[in-house]
Amino acid sequence: MKRLLLPLVTLSLCLAPAAWAQSRSGIVSVEVDLSRQEAGKETKLWVPYAVSDRYQNVTDVKVSGDFSASAVYTDKVNGTPMLFAQWDKDAKSRKLTYTFKVEREEIQMKNLSGKEPAWNPADYAEYLAPTSMGPVDGEVKKLAQSIVKGKKTVLEKAKAIYDWTCENMYRDPATVGCGKGDVCELLKKPGGKCTDISSVYIALARAAGVPAREVFGVRLGKKAEEDITTWQHCWVEFFLPGTGWVPVDPADVRKAMLVEKLELGDAKTRAYREYFWGGIDPYRFKIASGRDVVLNPPQAGAQLNTFGYPYAEVGGQVLNWYDPKGFSYRISYKEK
């Protein structure tokens, strides 16, 4: 994520939100080469696999390589698609290329209704539950209750938590990757990157009875061609009865403030806060959701805190997905 600061300047922050495009499309290529890893070991690879939904269309999917087997699976809990490939222990070369065209739309859900129809929280129990790094009891619940005091509806609570997150969290560029999202630690030191800031929002929302979830993706470049290997990003959706899932991105608010040296009271900060409440730009696409992930087929290593990067095991040993050169993999974007 170290290279993400400059792309956000060139991509998003040189223009006001009103000037951003309403859609973005192009070819994304994921190139993996595990040939330099230890020889004589069975090798397994899982890559987040983008699919179409209401706001993105994925077509022209191509997968090639010298693997002995490959398939597309989903995990049992979140239904996140993943491309799986395997190489036998005697493989001399271990390469895979995965390309696809993605067309992504801007989301703008404004003028949200304050009228709340009857709904059953039990239907959204998984989005109200704690995760290994996101408790919803103890100090988290106390803080959530103080933030939403006097708020009656899901919309009022979700907005109060969004405002608190924008005002009290901050972007820490020294954070590795997108951050771990360890909520208890973040409440002591509220600085991090997108997973950190999103995780705090989600834990507080769930503790306040607002169903919420993270969406993991990768940013699309604004130039005709970009290396987007380290451009992973995540944001939040909360469930609004009568409307559905509503996107919010307090992490990008705090990133804009850092990059543009903005204060909370600045007009541009207010513009970003308004834009990312119920809206996200089209310069990103979704690849995964869920925490504490068990891949399919199951990995030998521990559950994944998040699944936003290629994941591989050589002889059952986990490779460092935060080190794309050593791994090695590259993700690129070409406008089309």
C-alpha atoms as a PDB file:
ATOM      1  CA  MET A   1       0.000   0.000   0.000  1.00  0.00           C
ATOM      2  CA  LYS A   2       2.993   2.325   0.070  1.00  0.00           C
ATOM      3  CA  ARG A   3       2.363   3.378  -3.527  1.00  0.00           C
ATOM      4  CA  LEU A   4      -1.277   4.223  -2.923  1.00  0.00           C
ATOM      5  CA  LEU A   5      -0.676   7.789  -1.801  1.00  0.00           C
ATOM      6  CA  LEU A   6       0.345   9.051  -5.243  1.00  0.00           C
ATOM      7  CA  PRO A   7      -2.428   7.250  -7.141  1.00  0.00           C
ATOM      8  CA  LEU A   8      -5.055   8.799  -4.905  1.00  0.00           C
ATOM      9  CA  VAL A   9      -3.631  12.240  -5.626  1.00  0.00           C
ATOM     10  CA  THR A  10      -3.734  11.653  -9.368  1.00  0.00           C
ATOM     11  CA  LEU A  11      -6.922   9.647  -9.369  1.00  0.00           C
ATOM     12  CA  SER A  12      -9.328  11.246  -6.986  1.00  0.00           C
ATOM     13  CA  LEU A  13      -8.025  14.192  -5.118  1.00  0.00           C
ATOM     14  CA  CYS A  14      -7.075  16.536  -7.923  1.00  0.00           C
ATOM     15  CA  LEU A  15     -10.774  16.738  -8.739  1.00  0.00           C
ATOM     16  CA  ALA A  16     -13.757  17.501  -6.575  1.00  0.00           C
ATOM     17  CA  PRO A  17     -16.149  14.538  -6.165  1.00  0.00           C
ATOM     18  CA  ALA A  18     -18.663  16.195  -8.493  1.00  0.00           C
ATOM     19  CA  ALA A  19     -16.110  15.983 -11.325  1.00  0.00           C
ATOM     20  CA  TRP A  20     -15.480  12.254 -11.026  1.00  0.00           C
ATOM     21  CA  ALA A  21     -16.608   9.953 -13.827  1.00  0.00           C
ATOM     22  CA  GLN A  22     -19.823   7.969 -13.422  1.00  0.00           C
ATOM     23  CA  SER A  23     -18.265   4.770 -14.768  1.00  0.00           C
ATOM     24  CA  ARG A  24     -14.892   3.191 -15.462  1.00  0.00           C
ATOM     25  CA  SER A  25     -13.935   0.167 -17.539  1.00  0.00           C
ATOM     26  CA  GLY A  26     -10.837  -1.662 -18.634  1.00  0.00           C
ATOM     27  CA  ILE A  27      -8.830  -4.870 -18.589  1.00  0.00           C
ATOM     28  CA  VAL A  28      -7.376  -6.141 -15.324  1.00  0.00           C
ATOM     29  CA  SER A  29      -4.531  -8.663 -15.474  1.00  0.00           C
ATOM     30  CA  VAL A  30      -3.236 -10.727 -12.559  1.00  0.00           C
ATOM     31  CA  GLU A  31       0.100 -12.388 -13.319  1.00  0.00           C
ATOM     32  CA  VAL A  32       1.529 -14.857 -10.804  1.00  0.00           C
ATOM     33  CA  ASP A  33       4.915 -16.575 -11.060  1.00  0.00           C
ATOM     34  CA  LEU A  34       5.832 -18.921  -8.218  1.00  0.00           C
ATOM     35  CA  SER A  35       8.687 -20.549 -10.111  1.00  0.00           C
ATOM     36  CA  ARG A  36      11.347 -19.059  -7.827  1.00  0.00           C
ATOM     37  CA  GLN A  37       9.780 -20.555  -4.724  1.00  0.00           C
ATOM     38  CA  GLU A  38      11.266 -23.678  -3.157  1.00  0.00           C
ATOM     39  CA  ALA A  39      11.392 -26.586  -5.614  1.00  0.00           C
ATOM     40  CA  GLY A  40      10.089 -30.068  -4.931  1.00  0.00           C
ATOM     41  CA  LYS A  41       7.029 -28.847  -3.025  1.00  0.00           C
ATOM     42  CA  GLU A  42       3.367 -29.031  -3.916  1.00  0.00           C
ATOM     43  CA  THR A  43       2.135 -25.491  -4.522  1.00  0.00           C
ATOM     44  CA  LYS A  44      -1.362 -24.089  -4.100  1.00  0.00           C
ATOM     45  CA  LEU A  45      -2.655 -20.658  -5.085  1.00  0.00           C
ATOM     46  CA  TRP A  46      -5.906 -18.831  -4.370  1.00  0.00           C
ATOM     47  CA  VAL A  47      -6.668 -15.547  -6.172  1.00  0.00           C
ATOM     48  CA  PRO A  48      -9.708 -13.306  -5.474  1.00  0.00           C
ATOM     49  CA  TYR A  49     -12.051 -13.761  -8.446  1.00  0.00           C
ATOM     50  CA  ALA A  50     -14.144 -10.788  -9.541  1.00  0.00           C
ATOM     51  CA  VAL A  51     -17.745 -11.406 -10.606  1.00  0.00           C
ATOM     52  CA  SER A  52     -20.615  -9.266 -11.849  1.00  0.00           C
ATOM     53  CA  ASP A  53     -23.130  -7.661  -9.534  1.00  0.00           C
ATOM     54  CA  ARG A  54     -25.512  -4.713  -9.642  1.00  0.00           C
ATOM     55  CA  TYR A  55     -22.702  -2.159  -9.937  1.00  0.00           C
ATOM     56  CA  GLN A  56     -20.021  -4.007 -11.876  1.00  0.00           C
ATOM     57  CA  ASN A  57     -19.974  -6.177 -14.970  1.00  0.00           C
ATOM     58  CA  VAL A  58     -17.169  -8.706 -15.415  1.00  0.00           C
ATOM     59  CA  THR A  59     -16.652 -10.253 -18.865  1.00  0.00           C
ATOM     60  CA  ASP A  60     -13.945 -11.700 -21.150  1.00  0.00           C
ATOM     61  CA  VAL A  61     -12.472 -13.829 -18.355  1.00  0.00           C
ATOM     62  CA  LYS A  62      -9.355 -15.758 -19.372  1.00  0.00           C
ATOM     63  CA  VAL A  63      -7.182 -18.042 -17.227  1.00  0.00           C
ATOM     64  CA  SER A  64      -3.984 -19.624 -18.503  1.00  0.00           C
ATOM     65  CA  GLY A  65      -0.871 -21.189 -17.017  1.00  0.00           C
ATOM     66  CA  ASP A  66       1.110 -24.372 -16.481  1.00  0.00           C
ATOM     67  CA  PHE A  67      -0.774 -25.573 -13.375  1.00  0.00           C
ATOM     68  CA  SER A  68      -1.817 -29.214 -13.024  1.00  0.00           C
ATOM     69  CA  ALA A  69      -5.355 -28.290 -11.963  1.00  0.00           C
ATOM     70  CA  SER A  70      -7.507 -25.189 -11.545  1.00  0.00           C
ATOM     71  CA  ALA A  71     -11.093 -24.273 -10.741  1.00  0.00           C
ATOM     72  CA  VAL A  72     -13.285 -21.470  -9.412  1.00  0.00           C
ATOM     73  CA  TYR A  73     -14.826 -22.047  -5.982  1.00  0.00           C
ATOM     74  CA  THR A  74     -16.613 -20.007  -3.317  1.00  0.00           C
ATOM     75  CA  ASP A  75     -16.075 -20.075   0.423  1.00  0.00           C
ATOM     76  CA  LYS A  76     -18.883 -21.581   2.483  1.00  0.00           C
ATOM     77  CA  VAL A  77     -19.617 -18.631   4.740  1.00  0.00           C
ATOM     78  CA  ASN A  78     -19.376 -15.506   2.565  1.00  0.00           C
ATOM     79  CA  GLY A  79     -19.803 -16.944  -0.932  1.00  0.00           C
ATOM     80  CA  THR A  80     -16.685 -15.103  -2.071  1.00  0.00           C
ATOM     81  CA  PRO A  81     -15.448 -16.495  -5.416  1.00  0.00           C
ATOM     82  CA  MET A  82     -11.822 -17.519  -5.720  1.00  0.00           C
ATOM     83  CA  LEU A  83      -9.629 -18.913  -8.476  1.00  0.00           C
ATOM     84  CA  PHE A  84      -7.699 -21.942  -7.227  1.00  0.00           C
ATOM     85  CA  ALA A  85      -4.675 -23.464  -8.961  1.00  0.00           C
ATOM     86  CA  GLN A  86      -2.327 -26.272  -7.999  1.00  0.00           C
ATOM     87  CA  TRP A  87       1.128 -27.427  -9.136  1.00  0.00           C
ATOM     88  CA  ASP A  88       2.633 -30.851  -8.446  1.00  0.00           C
ATOM     89  CA  LYS A  89       5.861 -31.061  -6.468  1.00  0.00           C
ATOM     90  CA  ASP A  90       7.928 -31.849  -9.566  1.00  0.00           C
ATOM     91  CA  ALA A  91       6.775 -28.719 -11.456  1.00  0.00           C
ATOM     92  CA  LYS A  92       9.694 -26.696 -12.858  1.00  0.00           C
ATOM     93  CA  SER A  93       7.569 -23.670 -13.703  1.00  0.00           C
ATOM     94  CA  ARG A  94       4.575 -22.358 -11.751  1.00  0.00           C
ATOM     95  CA  LYS A  95       2.819 -19.573 -13.632  1.00  0.00           C
ATOM     96  CA  LEU A  96      -0.746 -18.327 -13.897  1.00  0.00           C
ATOM     97  CA  THR A  97      -2.326 -15.394 -15.747  1.00  0.00           C
ATOM     98  CA  TYR A  98      -5.897 -14.285 -15.027  1.00  0.00           C
ATOM     99  CA  THR A  99      -7.433 -11.449 -17.046  1.00  0.00           C
ATOM    100  CA  PHE A 100     -10.894  -9.951 -17.300  1.00  0.00           C
ATOM    101  CA  LYS A 101     -12.732  -6.836 -18.371  1.00  0.00           C
ATOM    102  CA  VAL A 102     -14.531  -4.935 -15.645  1.00  0.00           C
ATOM    103  CA  GLU A 103     -17.038  -2.124 -16.051  1.00  0.00           C
ATOM    104  CA  ARG A 104     -17.711  -0.356 -12.792  1.00  0.00           C
ATOM    105  CA  GLU A 105     -20.432   2.202 -11.980  1.00  0.00           C
ATOM    106  CA  GLU A 106     -20.413   4.999  -9.450  1.00  0.00           C
ATOM    107  CA  ILE A 107     -22.856   4.471  -6.587  1.00  0.00           C
ATOM    108  CA  GLN A 108     -24.859   7.410  -5.321  1.00  0.00           C
ATOM    109  CA  MET A 109     -27.619   6.649  -2.813  1.00  0.00           C
ATOM    110  CA  LYS A 110     -28.673  10.044  -1.539  1.00  0.00           C
ATOM    111  CA  ASN A 111     -31.843  11.337   0.131  1.00  0.00           C
ATOM    112  CA  LEU A 112     -32.133   8.116   2.113  1.00  0.00           C
ATOM    113  CA  SER A 113     -35.536   7.643   3.702  1.00  0.00           C
ATOM    114  CA  GLY A 114     -35.795   8.105   7.443  1.00  0.00           C
ATOM    115  CA  LYS A 115     -38.978   6.026   7.533  1.00  0.00           C
ATOM    116  CA  GLU A 116     -38.113   2.591   8.819  1.00  0.00           C
ATOM    117  CA  PRO A 117     -40.328  -0.372   7.955  1.00  0.00           C
ATOM    118  CA  ALA A 118     -40.510  -3.354  10.261  1.00  0.00           C
ATOM    119  CA  TRP A 119     -37.528  -5.668   9.931  1.00  0.00           C
ATOM    120  CA  ASN A 120     -36.145  -8.678  11.762  1.00  0.00           C
ATOM    121  CA  PRO A 121     -32.542  -8.375  13.016  1.00  0.00           C
ATOM    122  CA  ALA A 122     -32.362 -12.177  13.133  1.00  0.00           C
ATOM    123  CA  ASP A 123     -32.392 -12.152   9.332  1.00  0.00           C
ATOM    124  CA  TYR A 124     -29.085 -10.231   9.431  1.00  0.00           C
ATOM    125  CA  ALA A 125     -27.490 -12.009  12.383  1.00  0.00           C
ATOM    126  CA  GLU A 126     -24.179 -12.613  10.578  1.00  0.00           C
ATOM    127  CA  TYR A 127     -23.829  -8.857   9.997  1.00  0.00           C
ATOM    128  CA  LEU A 128     -24.456  -8.109  13.667  1.00  0.00           C
ATOM    129  CA  ALA A 129     -22.026 -10.710  15.021  1.00  0.00           C
ATOM    130  CA  PRO A 130     -18.475 -10.153  16.306  1.00  0.00           C
ATOM    131  CA  THR A 131     -15.352 -11.240  14.430  1.00  0.00           C
ATOM    132  CA  SER A 132     -11.998 -12.266  15.873  1.00  0.00           C
ATOM    133  CA  MET A 133     -10.769  -8.670  15.681  1.00  0.00           C
ATOM    134  CA  GLY A 134     -14.103  -6.876  15.877  1.00  0.00           C
ATOM    135  CA  PRO A 135     -15.926  -7.450  19.198  1.00  0.00           C
ATOM    136  CA  VAL A 136     -19.360  -5.927  19.717  1.00  0.00           C
ATOM    137  CA  ASP A 137     -19.461  -6.047  23.507  1.00  0.00           C
ATOM    138  CA  GLY A 138     -17.455  -4.435  26.310  1.00  0.00           C
ATOM    139  CA  GLU A 139     -15.805  -1.112  25.511  1.00  0.00           C
ATOM    140  CA  VAL A 140     -16.945  -1.251  21.898  1.00  0.00           C
ATOM    141  CA  LYS A 141     -20.594  -1.499  22.924  1.00  0.00           C
ATOM    142  CA  LYS A 142     -20.200   1.268  25.507  1.00  0.00           C
ATOM    143  CA  LEU A 143     -18.727   3.583  22.904  1.00  0.00           C
ATOM    144  CA  ALA A 144     -21.371   2.670  20.342  1.00  0.00           C
ATOM    145  CA  GLN A 145     -24.160   3.379  22.802  1.00  0.00           C
ATOM    146  CA  SER A 146     -22.684   6.784  23.601  1.00  0.00           C
ATOM    147  CA  ILE A 147     -22.397   7.654  19.896  1.00  0.00           C
ATOM    148  CA  VAL A 148     -25.997   6.695  19.047  1.00  0.00           C
ATOM    149  CA  LYS A 149     -27.581   8.014  22.235  1.00  0.00           C
ATOM    150  CA  GLY A 150     -30.949   9.519  21.347  1.00  0.00           C
ATOM    151  CA  LYS A 151     -30.911   8.013  17.853  1.00  0.00           C
ATOM    152  CA  LYS A 152     -33.913   5.827  17.102  1.00  0.00           C
ATOM    153  CA  THR A 153     -33.628   4.548  13.540  1.00  0.00           C
ATOM    154  CA  VAL A 154     -31.006   2.519  11.702  1.00  0.00           C
ATOM    155  CA  LEU A 155     -30.321   5.499   9.448  1.00  0.00           C
ATOM    156  CA  GLU A 156     -29.763   7.874  12.369  1.00  0.00           C
ATOM    157  CA  LYS A 157     -27.436   5.410  14.088  1.00  0.00           C
ATOM    158  CA  ALA A 158     -25.486   4.611  10.918  1.00  0.00           C
ATOM    159  CA  LYS A 159     -24.973   8.328  10.207  1.00  0.00           C
ATOM    160  CA  ALA A 160     -23.905   9.106  13.783  1.00  0.00           C
ATOM    161  CA  ILE A 161     -21.282   6.339  13.636  1.00  0.00           C
ATOM    162  CA  TYR A 162     -20.108   7.551  10.212  1.00  0.00           C
ATOM    163  CA  ASP A 163     -19.669  11.070  11.568  1.00  0.00           C
ATOM    164  CA  TRP A 164     -17.821   9.809  14.640  1.00  0.00           C
ATOM    165  CA  THR A 165     -15.503   7.656  12.515  1.00  0.00           C
ATOM    166  CA  CYS A 166     -14.698  10.513  10.136  1.00  0.00           C
ATOM    167  CA  GLU A 167     -13.994  12.843  13.046  1.00  0.00           C
ATOM    168  CA  ASN A 168     -12.045  10.524  15.362  1.00  0.00           C
ATOM    169  CA  MET A 169     -10.100   8.086  13.165  1.00  0.00           C
ATOM    170  CA  TYR A 170      -7.124   9.145  11.053  1.00  0.00           C
ATOM    171  CA  ARG A 171      -5.057   7.781   8.198  1.00  0.00           C
ATOM    172  CA  ASP A 172      -1.670   6.379   9.223  1.00  0.00           C
ATOM    173  CA  PRO A 173       0.477   5.876   6.085  1.00  0.00           C
ATOM    174  CA  ALA A 174       2.964   3.723   8.034  1.00  0.00           C
ATOM    175  CA  THR A 175       0.379   0.936   8.374  1.00  0.00           C
ATOM    176  CA  VAL A 176       1.278  -2.303   6.556  1.00  0.00           C
ATOM    177  CA  GLY A 177      -1.058  -3.206   3.694  1.00  0.00           C
ATOM    178  CA  CYS A 178      -4.622  -2.135   4.381  1.00  0.00           C
ATOM    179  CA  GLY A 179      -4.224  -2.707   8.115  1.00  0.00           C
ATOM    180  CA  LYS A 180      -5.392  -5.581  10.333  1.00  0.00           C
ATOM    181  CA  GLY A 181      -8.576  -4.009  11.615  1.00  0.00           C
ATOM    182  CA  ASP A 182      -7.921  -4.874  15.286  1.00  0.00           C
ATOM    183  CA  VAL A 183     -10.722  -2.779  16.758  1.00  0.00           C
ATOM    184  CA  CYS A 184      -9.668  -2.903  20.424  1.00  0.00           C
ATOM    185  CA  GLU A 185      -6.174  -1.680  19.554  1.00  0.00           C
ATOM    186  CA  LEU A 186      -7.569   0.945  17.187  1.00  0.00           C
ATOM    187  CA  LEU A 187      -9.758   2.441  19.883  1.00  0.00           C
ATOM    188  CA  LYS A 188      -6.544   3.044  21.857  1.00  0.00           C
ATOM    189  CA  LYS A 189      -4.663   4.438  18.845  1.00  0.00           C
ATOM    190  CA  PRO A 190      -7.235   5.321  16.160  1.00  0.00           C
ATOM    191  CA  GLY A 191      -4.853   5.505  13.200  1.00  0.00           C
ATOM    192  CA  GLY A 192      -4.639   3.098  10.291  1.00  0.00           C
ATOM    193  CA  LYS A 193      -5.676   2.421   6.732  1.00  0.00           C
ATOM    194  CA  CYS A 194      -8.887   1.348   5.069  1.00  0.00           C
ATOM    195  CA  THR A 195      -9.394  -2.018   6.809  1.00  0.00           C
ATOM    196  CA  ASP A 196      -8.707  -0.383  10.168  1.00  0.00           C
ATOM    197  CA  ILE A 197     -11.102   2.515   9.697  1.00  0.00           C
ATOM    198  CA  SER A 198     -13.777   0.326   8.103  1.00  0.00           C
ATOM    199  CA  SER A 199     -13.463  -2.268  10.885  1.00  0.00           C
ATOM    200  CA  VAL A 200     -14.060   0.331  13.584  1.00  0.00           C
ATOM    201  CA  TYR A 201     -17.159   1.563  11.772  1.00  0.00           C
ATOM    202  CA  ILE A 202     -18.483  -1.987  11.392  1.00  0.00           C
ATOM    203  CA  ALA A 203     -17.848  -3.017  15.000  1.00  0.00           C
ATOM    204  CA  LEU A 204     -19.531   0.118  16.324  1.00  0.00           C
ATOM    205  CA  ALA A 205     -22.447  -0.276  13.905  1.00  0.00           C
ATOM    206  CA  ARG A 206     -23.002  -3.906  14.829  1.00  0.00           C
ATOM    207  CA  ALA A 207     -22.760  -3.092  18.526  1.00  0.00           C
ATOM    208  CA  ALA A 208     -25.474  -0.466  17.978  1.00  0.00           C
ATOM    209  CA  GLY A 209     -27.725  -2.933  16.156  1.00  0.00           C
ATOM    210  CA  VAL A 210     -26.937  -1.760  12.617  1.00  0.00           C
ATOM    211  CA  PRO A 211     -26.068  -4.616  10.223  1.00  0.00           C
ATOM    212  CA  ALA A 212     -22.778  -3.805   8.489  1.00  0.00           C
ATOM    213  CA  ARG A 213     -20.105  -5.497   6.381  1.00  0.00           C
ATOM    214  CA  GLU A 214     -16.829  -4.771   4.632  1.00  0.00           C
ATOM    215  CA  VAL A 215     -16.320  -4.886   0.890  1.00  0.00           C
ATOM    216  CA  PHE A 216     -12.804  -5.653  -0.327  1.00  0.00           C
ATOM    217  CA  GLY A 217     -11.645  -4.488  -3.735  1.00  0.00           C
ATOM    218  CA  VAL A 218      -8.881  -3.044  -5.844  1.00  0.00           C
ATOM    219  CA  ARG A 219      -8.692   0.499  -7.169  1.00  0.00           C
ATOM    220  CA  LEU A 220      -8.773   1.121 -10.915  1.00  0.00           C
ATOM    221  CA  GLY A 221      -6.347   3.619 -12.333  1.00  0.00           C
ATOM    222  CA  LYS A 222      -7.307   6.912 -13.936  1.00  0.00           C
ATOM    223  CA  LYS A 223      -4.505   6.744 -16.518  1.00  0.00           C
ATOM    224  CA  ALA A 224      -4.732   4.625 -19.659  1.00  0.00           C
ATOM    225  CA  GLU A 225      -2.413   2.033 -18.120  1.00  0.00           C
ATOM    226  CA  GLU A 226      -1.511   1.512 -14.459  1.00  0.00           C
ATOM    227  CA  ASP A 227       0.293  -0.944 -12.203  1.00  0.00           C
ATOM    228  CA  ILE A 228      -2.360  -1.538  -9.516  1.00  0.00           C
ATOM    229  CA  THR A 229      -0.561  -4.327  -7.644  1.00  0.00           C
ATOM    230  CA  THR A 230      -0.728  -2.560  -4.279  1.00  0.00           C
ATOM    231  CA  TRP A 231      -3.993  -0.683  -4.756  1.00  0.00           C
ATOM    232  CA  GLN A 232      -6.188  -2.873  -2.552  1.00  0.00           C
ATOM    233  CA  HIS A 233      -8.965  -0.970  -0.813  1.00  0.00           C
ATOM    234  CA  CYS A 234     -11.970  -1.776   1.334  1.00  0.00           C
ATOM    235  CA  TRP A 235     -15.095   0.130   2.268  1.00  0.00           C
ATOM    236  CA  VAL A 236     -18.322  -0.419   4.223  1.00  0.00           C
ATOM    237  CA  GLU A 237     -21.953  -1.211   3.560  1.00  0.00           C
ATOM    238  CA  PHE A 238     -24.713  -0.969   6.166  1.00  0.00           C
ATOM    239  CA  PHE A 239     -28.198  -2.419   5.793  1.00  0.00           C
ATOM    240  CA  LEU A 240     -30.991   0.143   5.715  1.00  0.00           C
ATOM    241  CA  PRO A 241     -34.453  -1.419   6.070  1.00  0.00           C
ATOM    242  CA  GLY A 242     -36.635  -0.584   3.095  1.00  0.00           C
ATOM    243  CA  THR A 243     -33.615   0.390   0.978  1.00  0.00           C
ATOM    244  CA  GLY A 244     -30.978  -2.337   1.132  1.00  0.00           C
ATOM    245  CA  TRP A 245     -27.191  -2.162   1.449  1.00  0.00           C
ATOM    246  CA  VAL A 246     -25.824   1.383   1.486  1.00  0.00           C
ATOM    247  CA  PRO A 247     -22.105   2.114   0.866  1.00  0.00           C
ATOM    248  CA  VAL A 248     -20.041   4.458   3.041  1.00  0.00           C
ATOM    249  CA  ASP A 249     -16.291   5.057   2.971  1.00  0.00           C
ATOM    250  CA  PRO A 250     -14.963   6.989   5.977  1.00  0.00           C
ATOM    251  CA  ALA A 251     -11.471   5.685   5.152  1.00  0.00           C
ATOM    252  CA  ASP A 252     -11.376   7.640   1.907  1.00  0.00           C
ATOM    253  CA  VAL A 253     -12.548  10.752   3.733  1.00  0.00           C
ATOM    254  CA  ARG A 254      -9.580  10.498   6.077  1.00  0.00           C
ATOM    255  CA  LYS A 255      -7.246   9.704   3.188  1.00  0.00           C
ATOM    256  CA  ALA A 256      -8.361  12.796   1.311  1.00  0.00           C
ATOM    257  CA  MET A 257      -7.770  14.856   4.427  1.00  0.00           C
ATOM    258  CA  LEU A 258      -4.229  13.507   4.774  1.00  0.00           C
ATOM    259  CA  VAL A 259      -3.271  13.897   1.116  1.00  0.00           C
ATOM    260  CA  GLU A 260      -4.761  17.365   0.694  1.00  0.00           C
ATOM    261  CA  LYS A 261      -3.828  18.516   4.209  1.00  0.00           C
ATOM    262  CA  LEU A 262      -7.446  19.284   5.050  1.00  0.00           C
ATOM    263  CA  GLU A 263      -9.000  20.082   8.411  1.00  0.00           C
ATOM    264  CA  LEU A 264     -12.366  18.771   9.599  1.00  0.00           C
ATOM    265  CA  GLY A 265     -13.986  22.164   9.129  1.00  0.00           C
ATOM    266  CA  ASP A 266     -12.765  22.706   5.557  1.00  0.00           C
ATOM    267  CA  ALA A 267     -15.317  22.906   2.756  1.00  0.00           C
ATOM    268  CA  LYS A 268     -13.552  20.164   0.782  1.00  0.00           C
ATOM    269  CA  THR A 269     -13.672  17.855   3.791  1.00  0.00           C
ATOM    270  CA  ARG A 270     -17.413  18.423   4.030  1.00  0.00           C
ATOM    271  CA  ALA A 271     -17.726  17.632   0.320  1.00  0.00           C
ATOM    272  CA  TYR A 272     -15.866  14.344   0.747  1.00  0.00           C
ATOM    273  CA  ARG A 273     -17.947  13.424   3.786  1.00  0.00           C
ATOM    274  CA  GLU A 274     -21.151  14.077   1.889  1.00  0.00           C
ATOM    275  CA  TYR A 275     -19.954  12.150  -1.163  1.00  0.00           C
ATOM    276  CA  PHE A 276     -18.805   9.021   0.699  1.00  0.00           C
ATOM    277  CA  TRP A 277     -21.989   8.869   2.781  1.00  0.00           C
ATOM    278  CA  GLY A 278     -24.132   6.691   0.510  1.00  0.00           C
ATOM    279  CA  GLY A 279     -21.706   6.953  -2.403  1.00  0.00           C
ATOM    280  CA  ILE A 280     -18.481   5.550  -3.795  1.00  0.00           C
ATOM    281  CA  ASP A 281     -16.528   6.413  -6.926  1.00  0.00           C
ATOM    282  CA  PRO A 282     -16.252   4.041  -9.934  1.00  0.00           C
ATOM    283  CA  TYR A 283     -12.443   3.799  -9.712  1.00  0.00           C
ATOM    284  CA  ARG A 284     -12.605   0.517  -7.801  1.00  0.00           C
ATOM    285  CA  PHE A 285     -14.061  -2.958  -8.188  1.00  0.00           C
ATOM    286  CA  LYS A 286     -15.201  -5.559  -5.675  1.00  0.00           C
ATOM    287  CA  ILE A 287     -13.383  -8.855  -5.175  1.00  0.00           C
ATOM    288  CA  ALA A 288     -14.329 -10.244  -1.746  1.00  0.00           C
ATOM    289  CA  SER A 289     -16.157  -9.906   1.557  1.00  0.00           C
ATOM    290  CA  GLY A 290     -15.967 -11.418   5.013  1.00  0.00           C
ATOM    291  CA  ARG A 291     -13.453 -11.860   7.838  1.00  0.00           C
ATOM    292  CA  ASP A 292     -11.885 -14.974   9.389  1.00  0.00           C
ATOM    293  CA  VAL A 293     -11.984 -16.639   5.997  1.00  0.00           C
ATOM    294  CA  VAL A 294     -11.551 -20.336   5.314  1.00  0.00           C
ATOM    295  CA  LEU A 295     -10.674 -20.730   1.654  1.00  0.00           C
ATOM    296  CA  ASN A 296     -11.983 -23.421  -0.678  1.00  0.00           C
ATOM    297  CA  PRO A 297     -10.302 -25.867  -0.728  1.00  0.00           C
ATOM    298  CA  PRO A 298      -9.199 -25.068   2.841  1.00  0.00           C
ATOM    299  CA  GLN A 299      -5.750 -23.565   3.331  1.00  0.00           C
ATOM    300  CA  ALA A 300      -3.180 -25.249   5.575  1.00  0.00           C
ATOM    301  CA  GLY A 301      -2.509 -21.942   7.326  1.00  0.00           C
ATOM    302  CA  ALA A 302      -4.721 -20.068   9.760  1.00  0.00           C
ATOM    303  CA  GLN A 303      -8.016 -18.457   8.834  1.00  0.00           C
ATOM    304  CA  LEU A 304      -7.452 -15.316   6.790  1.00  0.00           C
ATOM    305  CA  ASN A 305      -8.256 -12.052   8.506  1.00  0.00           C
ATOM    306  CA  THR A 306      -9.221 -10.763   5.047  1.00  0.00           C
ATOM    307  CA  PHE A 307      -8.985 -12.111   1.490  1.00  0.00           C
ATOM    308  CA  GLY A 308      -7.922  -9.131  -0.585  1.00  0.00           C
ATOM    309  CA  TYR A 309      -4.601 -10.404  -1.925  1.00  0.00           C
ATOM    310  CA  PRO A 310      -3.410 -13.518  -3.791  1.00  0.00           C
ATOM    311  CA  TYR A 311      -2.687 -16.264  -1.259  1.00  0.00           C
ATOM    312  CA  ALA A 312      -0.299 -19.183  -1.801  1.00  0.00           C
ATOM    313  CA  GLU A 313       1.245 -22.081   0.072  1.00  0.00           C
ATOM    314  CA  VAL A 314       4.381 -23.968  -0.951  1.00  0.00           C
ATOM    315  CA  GLY A 315       4.702 -27.276   0.825  1.00  0.00           C
ATOM    316  CA  GLY A 316       2.061 -26.059   3.258  1.00  0.00           C
ATOM    317  CA  GLN A 317       4.059 -22.909   4.118  1.00  0.00           C
ATOM    318  CA  VAL A 318       2.316 -19.575   3.623  1.00  0.00           C
ATOM    319  CA  LEU A 319       3.916 -16.950   1.367  1.00  0.00           C
ATOM    320  CA  ASN A 320       3.921 -13.290   2.366  1.00  0.00           C
ATOM    321  CA  TRP A 321       1.115 -11.762   0.284  1.00  0.00           C
ATOM    322  CA  TYR A 322       2.210  -8.263   1.327  1.00  0.00           C
ATOM    323  CA  ASP A 323       5.428  -8.792  -0.671  1.00  0.00           C
ATOM    324  CA  PRO A 324       4.294  -8.990  -4.311  1.00  0.00           C
ATOM    325  CA  LYS A 325       7.843  -9.037  -5.697  1.00  0.00           C
ATOM    326  CA  GLY A 326       8.966 -11.884  -3.486  1.00  0.00           C
ATOM    327  CA  PHE A 327       5.720 -13.801  -3.879  1.00  0.00           C
ATOM    328  CA  SER A 328       5.620 -12.926  -6.897  1.00  0.00           C
ATOM    329  CA  TYR A 329       2.559 -11.370  -8.501  1.00  0.00           C
ATOM    330  CA  ARG A 330       1.584  -8.282 -10.452  1.00  0.00           C
ATOM    331  CA  ILE A 331      -1.826  -6.696 -11.064  1.00  0.00           C
ATOM    332  CA  SER A 332      -2.231  -4.232 -13.922  1.00  0.00           C
ATOM    333  CA  TYR A 333      -5.004  -2.165 -15.471  1.00  0.00           C
ATOM    334  CA  LYS A 334      -5.455  -1.051 -19.069  1.00  0.00           C
ATOM    335  CA  GLU A 335      -8.200   1.293 -20.121  1.00  0.00           C
ATOM    336  CA  LYS A 336     -10.625  -0.062 -22.700  1.00  0.00           C
END
